[in-house]
C-alpha atoms as a PDB file:
ATOM      1  CA  MET A   1     -55.546-284.008  74.906  1.00  0.00           C
ATOM      2  CA  GLU A   2     -59.523-284.338  75.183  1.00  0.00           C
ATOM      3  CA  ILE A   3     -59.736-286.101  72.134  1.00  0.00           C
ATOM      4  CA  MET A   4     -57.598-289.123  73.595  1.00  0.00           C
ATOM      5  CA  GLY A   5     -60.029-289.171  76.423  1.00  0.00           C
ATOM      6  CA  PHE A   6     -62.804-289.921  74.312  1.00  0.00           C
ATOM      7  CA  VAL A   7     -61.115-292.589  72.219  1.00  0.00           C
ATOM      8  CA  PHE A   8     -59.879-294.227  75.649  1.00  0.00           C
ATOM      9  CA  ALA A   9     -63.727-293.356  76.395  1.00  0.00           C
ATOM     10  CA  LEU A  10     -64.919-295.111  73.640  1.00  0.00           C
ATOM     11  CA  ALA A  11     -63.191-298.050  73.536  1.00  0.00           C
ATOM     12  CA  ALA A  12     -63.540-299.335  77.211  1.00  0.00           C
ATOM     13  CA  LEU A  13     -67.468-298.735  76.672  1.00  0.00           C
ATOM     14  CA  ALA A  14     -67.103-301.121  73.511  1.00  0.00           C
ATOM     15  CA  PHE A  15     -64.771-303.191  75.723  1.00  0.00           C
ATOM     16  CA  ALA A  16     -67.370-302.819  78.768  1.00  0.00           C
ATOM     17  CA  LEU A  17     -70.415-304.061  76.173  1.00  0.00           C
ATOM     18  CA  ILE A  18     -68.061-307.007  75.228  1.00  0.00           C
ATOM     19  CA  ALA A  19     -67.627-308.757  78.245  1.00  0.00           C
ATOM     20  CA  ASN A  20     -71.360-308.103  79.303  1.00  0.00           C
ATOM     21  CA  SER A  21     -72.372-309.691  76.548  1.00  0.00           C
ATOM     22  CA  ARG A  22     -70.096-313.136  77.431  1.00  0.00           C
ATOM     23  CA  LEU A  23     -71.467-312.999  81.068  1.00  0.00           C
ATOM     24  CA  ASN A  24     -75.318-313.189  79.274  1.00  0.00           C
ATOM     25  CA  LYS A  25     -74.308-315.905  77.466  1.00  0.00           C
ATOM     26  CA  ILE A  26     -72.227-317.656  80.136  1.00  0.00           C
ATOM     27  CA  GLU A  27     -75.414-317.293  82.457  1.00  0.00           C
ATOM     28  CA  ASP A  28     -77.742-318.556  80.078  1.00  0.00           C
ATOM     29  CA  LYS A  29     -75.404-321.712  79.402  1.00  0.00           C
ATOM     30  CA  LEU A  30     -74.823-322.427  82.497  1.00  0.00           C
ATOM     31  CA  LYS A  31     -79.172-321.935  83.482  1.00  0.00           C
ATOM     32  CA  GLU A  32     -79.723-324.381  80.687  1.00  0.00           C
ATOM     33  CA  LEU A  33     -77.214-327.278  82.025  1.00  0.00           C
ATOM     34  CA  ASP A  34     -78.953-326.510  85.474  1.00  0.00           C
ATOM     35  CA  VAL A  35     -75.231-324.834  87.396  1.00  0.00           C
ATOM     36  CA  LEU A  36     -77.930-322.746  88.103  1.00  0.00           C
ATOM     37  CA  ASP A  37     -81.311-322.092  89.034  1.00  0.00           C
ATOM     38  CA  LYS A  38     -83.601-320.860  86.520  1.00  0.00           C
ATOM     39  CA  ASP A  39     -84.454-317.887  88.106  1.00  0.00           C
ATOM     40  CA  PHE A  40     -80.996-316.874  89.457  1.00  0.00           C
ATOM     41  CA  SER A  41     -80.331-313.085  88.389  1.00  0.00           C
ATOM     42  CA  SER A  42     -76.923-311.563  88.575  1.00  0.00           C
ATOM     43  CA  GLY A  43     -78.286-307.768  87.957  1.00  0.00           C
ATOM     44  CA  GLU A  44     -80.153-306.043  85.308  1.00  0.00           C
ATOM     45  CA  ARG A  45     -78.989-306.871  81.487  1.00  0.00           C
ATOM     46  CA  ILE A  46     -77.213-304.330  79.163  1.00  0.00           C
ATOM     47  CA  SER A  47     -78.802-306.210  75.811  1.00  0.00           C
END
């Protein structure tokens, strides 16, 4: 049963990293389009 938990944890980690990457790209694009301030920061960046 521990194997299943490990597999789900890895899947959740992969999903979280992909989602964070997409949010960073969206934030950069909104800064580029002057929708957000250039010094806006939503928090720490992982990648």
